[in-house]
Amino acid sequence: MLKDNLDYREKTAVDPQRLIALKSPGSAIFSKVKFFDREGRTRGWEVAFMVREESQRIPLLGRVVQVRTGLIKESDVGLIPMLIALGSGDHDIFETWLNFHAPRLDGSKNDHLETLCKQDRIVILLYGESGMERSIQMTNSGLKPTWNVMLEKVSHMTEWEMKDFDLARDTIYRRFPTVRSLWDALNHH
């Protein structure tokens, strides 16, 4: 089972499993995770999306699985919302944001976008009240061109600070006040 074949020891301030457990249902984050095959061989680091939801809703999720993303330039900041739909209702869409210029704790460069450009699949880990309850995988082939275009564009932008990122994201939240409106905009972005 996928649950037993994970390693979250990326150099981050917070254990992503603890962080997602503290989040309220309807939340999502992403983190680099090392996956292993059944023989214990590493597949290497991949970006995984972690969704926190009420345990009784988790079996209902995943009948429809889509990921939408795009680069939104706002006030010289490159915002990359990543939305995951695990059903057809508005409450089945989960959002998280990638800040390309957010440094890691050890001072190294954030490489989540580069990793997304290379990996062959998207892994979504679903967490309920008792921890990880289920995983969903989908191919990354349809998103790879988008990840690559965003990487090319955002890597040439002037660096911004976290406060600038937060202000720019707040502007986007005012423009798209619901996750559904942002989802629809990314379809046309």
Protein backbone atom coordinates (compact mmCIF):
# COMPACT_ATOMS: atom_id res chain seq x y z
CA MET A 1 0.00 0.00 0.00
CA LEU A 2 1.21 3.49 -0.83
CA LYS A 3 0.77 4.57 2.79
CA ASP A 4 3.72 2.45 3.90
CA ASN A 5 6.02 3.53 1.07
CA LEU A 6 6.51 7.24 1.79
CA ASP A 7 9.37 9.32 3.16
CA TYR A 8 8.62 12.92 4.09
CA ARG A 9 12.11 13.86 5.26
CA GLU A 10 12.47 16.86 2.98
CA LYS A 11 14.31 19.73 4.67
CA THR A 12 11.26 21.74 5.77
CA ALA A 13 10.29 23.52 8.95
CA VAL A 14 7.17 21.46 9.44
CA ASP A 15 6.40 17.82 8.89
CA PRO A 16 3.77 17.94 6.12
CA GLN A 17 1.83 15.06 7.70
CA ARG A 18 1.49 17.05 10.91
CA LEU A 19 0.64 20.21 9.03
CA ILE A 20 -2.16 18.61 6.99
CA ALA A 21 -3.51 16.98 10.18
CA LEU A 22 -3.80 20.46 11.75
CA LYS A 23 -5.60 21.91 8.74
CA SER A 24 -9.37 22.11 8.60
CA PRO A 25 -11.30 19.84 6.24
CA GLY A 26 -11.32 21.27 2.73
CA SER A 27 -7.63 22.29 2.88
CA ALA A 28 -4.72 21.26 0.66
CA ILE A 29 -0.94 21.57 0.72
CA PHE A 30 1.88 20.06 -1.33
CA SER A 31 5.24 18.64 -0.37
CA LYS A 32 8.05 16.64 -1.84
CA VAL A 33 7.72 13.00 -0.92
CA LYS A 34 10.04 10.09 -1.61
CA PHE A 35 8.10 7.10 -2.90
CA PHE A 36 9.31 3.49 -2.90
CA ASP A 37 8.20 0.52 -4.98
CA ARG A 38 7.18 -2.84 -3.48
CA GLU A 39 10.80 -4.03 -3.47
CA GLY A 40 11.89 -0.97 -1.49
CA ARG A 41 13.62 0.79 -4.40
CA THR A 42 13.17 4.52 -4.42
CA ARG A 43 11.24 6.25 -7.16
CA GLY A 44 12.93 9.45 -6.03
CA TRP A 45 11.38 12.68 -4.81
CA GLU A 46 8.03 13.72 -6.25
CA VAL A 47 5.67 16.53 -5.40
CA ALA A 48 2.52 15.12 -3.82
CA PHE A 49 -0.67 16.99 -3.08
CA MET A 50 -2.14 16.40 0.37
CA VAL A 51 -5.84 17.01 0.88
CA ARG A 52 -7.49 17.21 4.30
CA GLU A 53 -11.15 16.27 4.37
CA GLU A 54 -13.69 14.76 6.72
CA SER A 55 -13.20 10.99 6.87
CA GLN A 56 -16.80 10.24 5.90
CA ARG A 57 -16.38 12.27 2.66
CA ILE A 58 -13.10 10.65 1.55
CA PRO A 59 -14.71 7.52 0.00
CA LEU A 60 -16.90 9.82 -2.12
CA LEU A 61 -13.94 11.71 -3.56
CA GLY A 62 -12.04 10.79 -6.69
CA ARG A 63 -14.84 9.87 -9.06
CA VAL A 64 -13.70 12.87 -11.09
CA VAL A 65 -10.04 13.89 -10.81
CA GLN A 66 -8.70 17.03 -12.46
CA VAL A 67 -5.86 19.44 -11.72
CA ARG A 68 -5.82 23.00 -13.01
CA THR A 69 -3.00 25.46 -12.67
CA GLY A 70 -1.60 28.52 -14.35
CA LEU A 71 0.77 31.41 -13.88
CA ILE A 72 -1.00 34.60 -12.87
CA LYS A 73 1.15 37.73 -12.91
CA GLU A 74 0.03 40.28 -10.34
CA SER A 75 2.11 43.28 -9.22
CA ASP A 76 5.37 41.75 -10.52
CA VAL A 77 4.66 38.51 -8.62
CA GLY A 78 4.15 35.16 -10.32
CA LEU A 79 1.33 33.35 -8.56
CA ILE A 80 0.81 29.66 -9.30
CA PRO A 81 -2.50 28.41 -7.91
CA MET A 82 -2.88 24.65 -8.05
CA LEU A 83 -6.46 23.43 -7.83
CA ILE A 84 -7.49 19.81 -7.49
CA ALA A 85 -11.06 18.69 -8.23
CA LEU A 86 -11.98 15.33 -6.76
CA GLY A 87 -15.63 15.49 -7.71
CA SER A 88 -18.06 17.75 -9.51
CA GLY A 89 -19.24 19.94 -6.62
CA ASP A 90 -17.77 23.24 -5.49
CA HIS A 91 -16.85 21.61 -2.15
CA ASP A 92 -14.82 19.00 -4.08
CA ILE A 93 -12.23 21.55 -5.30
CA PHE A 94 -9.13 22.02 -3.15
CA GLU A 95 -6.56 24.78 -3.59
CA THR A 96 -2.93 25.35 -2.76
CA TRP A 97 -0.42 27.91 -4.07
CA LEU A 98 3.17 27.58 -5.21
CA ASN A 99 5.53 30.47 -4.44
CA PHE A 100 8.48 29.94 -6.76
CA HIS A 101 10.73 32.31 -4.80
CA ALA A 102 9.94 30.99 -1.32
CA PRO A 103 13.30 29.83 0.08
CA ARG A 104 13.69 26.54 1.88
CA LEU A 105 14.89 26.39 5.47
CA ASP A 106 18.39 25.36 4.51
CA GLY A 107 18.62 28.38 2.18
CA SER A 108 18.49 26.26 -0.96
CA LYS A 109 16.27 27.12 -3.87
CA ASN A 110 12.67 25.95 -3.92
CA ASP A 111 12.55 23.25 -6.63
CA HIS A 112 8.94 22.08 -6.46
CA LEU A 113 8.08 23.45 -9.90
CA GLU A 114 11.14 21.83 -11.48
CA THR A 115 10.14 18.53 -9.88
CA LEU A 116 6.59 18.83 -11.22
CA CYS A 117 8.06 19.35 -14.70
CA LYS A 118 9.89 16.02 -14.49
CA GLN A 119 7.59 13.63 -12.67
CA ASP A 120 5.35 11.26 -14.64
CA ARG A 121 2.39 11.22 -12.29
CA ILE A 122 0.40 13.36 -9.92
CA VAL A 123 -0.16 11.79 -6.50
CA ILE A 124 -2.95 13.04 -4.27
CA LEU A 125 -2.91 11.84 -0.67
CA LEU A 126 -6.24 12.12 1.19
CA TYR A 127 -6.11 12.71 4.93
CA GLY A 128 -8.99 12.36 7.37
CA GLU A 129 -9.22 12.51 11.13
CA SER A 130 -6.99 9.44 11.58
CA GLY A 131 -4.27 10.33 9.06
CA MET A 132 -3.78 9.26 5.46
CA GLU A 133 -6.75 7.21 4.36
CA ARG A 134 -6.40 6.96 0.61
CA SER A 135 -4.30 7.94 -2.38
CA ILE A 136 -5.17 8.78 -5.98
CA GLN A 137 -2.75 8.83 -8.89
CA MET A 138 -3.14 10.34 -12.31
CA THR A 139 -0.79 10.90 -15.21
CA ASN A 140 1.15 14.18 -15.31
CA SER A 141 1.60 14.08 -19.10
CA GLY A 142 -1.16 16.60 -19.82
CA LEU A 143 0.20 19.06 -17.26
CA LYS A 144 3.93 18.78 -18.05
CA PRO A 145 3.80 21.37 -20.86
CA THR A 146 2.02 23.80 -18.51
CA TRP A 147 4.52 23.23 -15.69
CA ASN A 148 7.39 23.79 -18.15
CA VAL A 149 5.95 27.01 -19.59
CA MET A 150 5.33 28.36 -16.08
CA LEU A 151 8.87 27.44 -15.03
CA GLU A 152 10.34 29.21 -18.05
CA LYS A 153 8.32 32.38 -17.39
CA VAL A 154 8.55 32.58 -13.59
CA SER A 155 12.28 31.81 -13.48
CA HIS A 156 12.93 35.00 -15.47
CA MET A 157 10.86 37.19 -13.18
CA THR A 158 12.49 39.44 -10.59
CA GLU A 159 12.45 37.84 -7.15
CA TRP A 160 9.75 38.93 -4.72
CA GLU A 161 9.34 38.60 -0.97
CA MET A 162 6.70 36.61 0.89
CA LYS A 163 4.77 39.76 1.82
CA ASP A 164 4.56 40.67 -1.88
CA PHE A 165 3.31 37.18 -2.67
CA ASP A 166 0.64 37.42 0.04
CA LEU A 167 -0.54 40.86 -1.17
CA ALA A 168 -0.71 39.66 -4.78
CA ARG A 169 -2.65 36.55 -3.74
CA ASP A 170 -5.09 38.70 -1.76
CA THR A 171 -5.73 40.69 -4.95
CA ILE A 172 -6.49 37.45 -6.79
CA TYR A 173 -8.83 36.37 -3.99
CA ARG A 174 -10.75 39.64 -4.42
CA ARG A 175 -10.92 39.09 -8.18
CA PHE A 176 -11.98 35.44 -7.77
CA PRO A 177 -13.84 35.28 -4.43
CA THR A 178 -14.66 31.56 -4.63
CA VAL A 179 -12.56 28.54 -5.46
CA ARG A 180 -15.04 27.77 -8.26
CA SER A 181 -14.49 31.19 -9.86
CA LEU A 182 -10.71 30.65 -9.76
CA TRP A 183 -11.21 27.13 -11.17
CA ASP A 184 -13.26 28.52 -14.05
CA ALA A 185 -10.70 31.27 -14.72
CA LEU A 186 -7.87 28.74 -14.89
CA ASN A 187 -9.79 26.87 -17.56
CA HIS A 188 -9.54 29.97 -19.73
CA HIS A 189 -6.12 31.18 -18.54
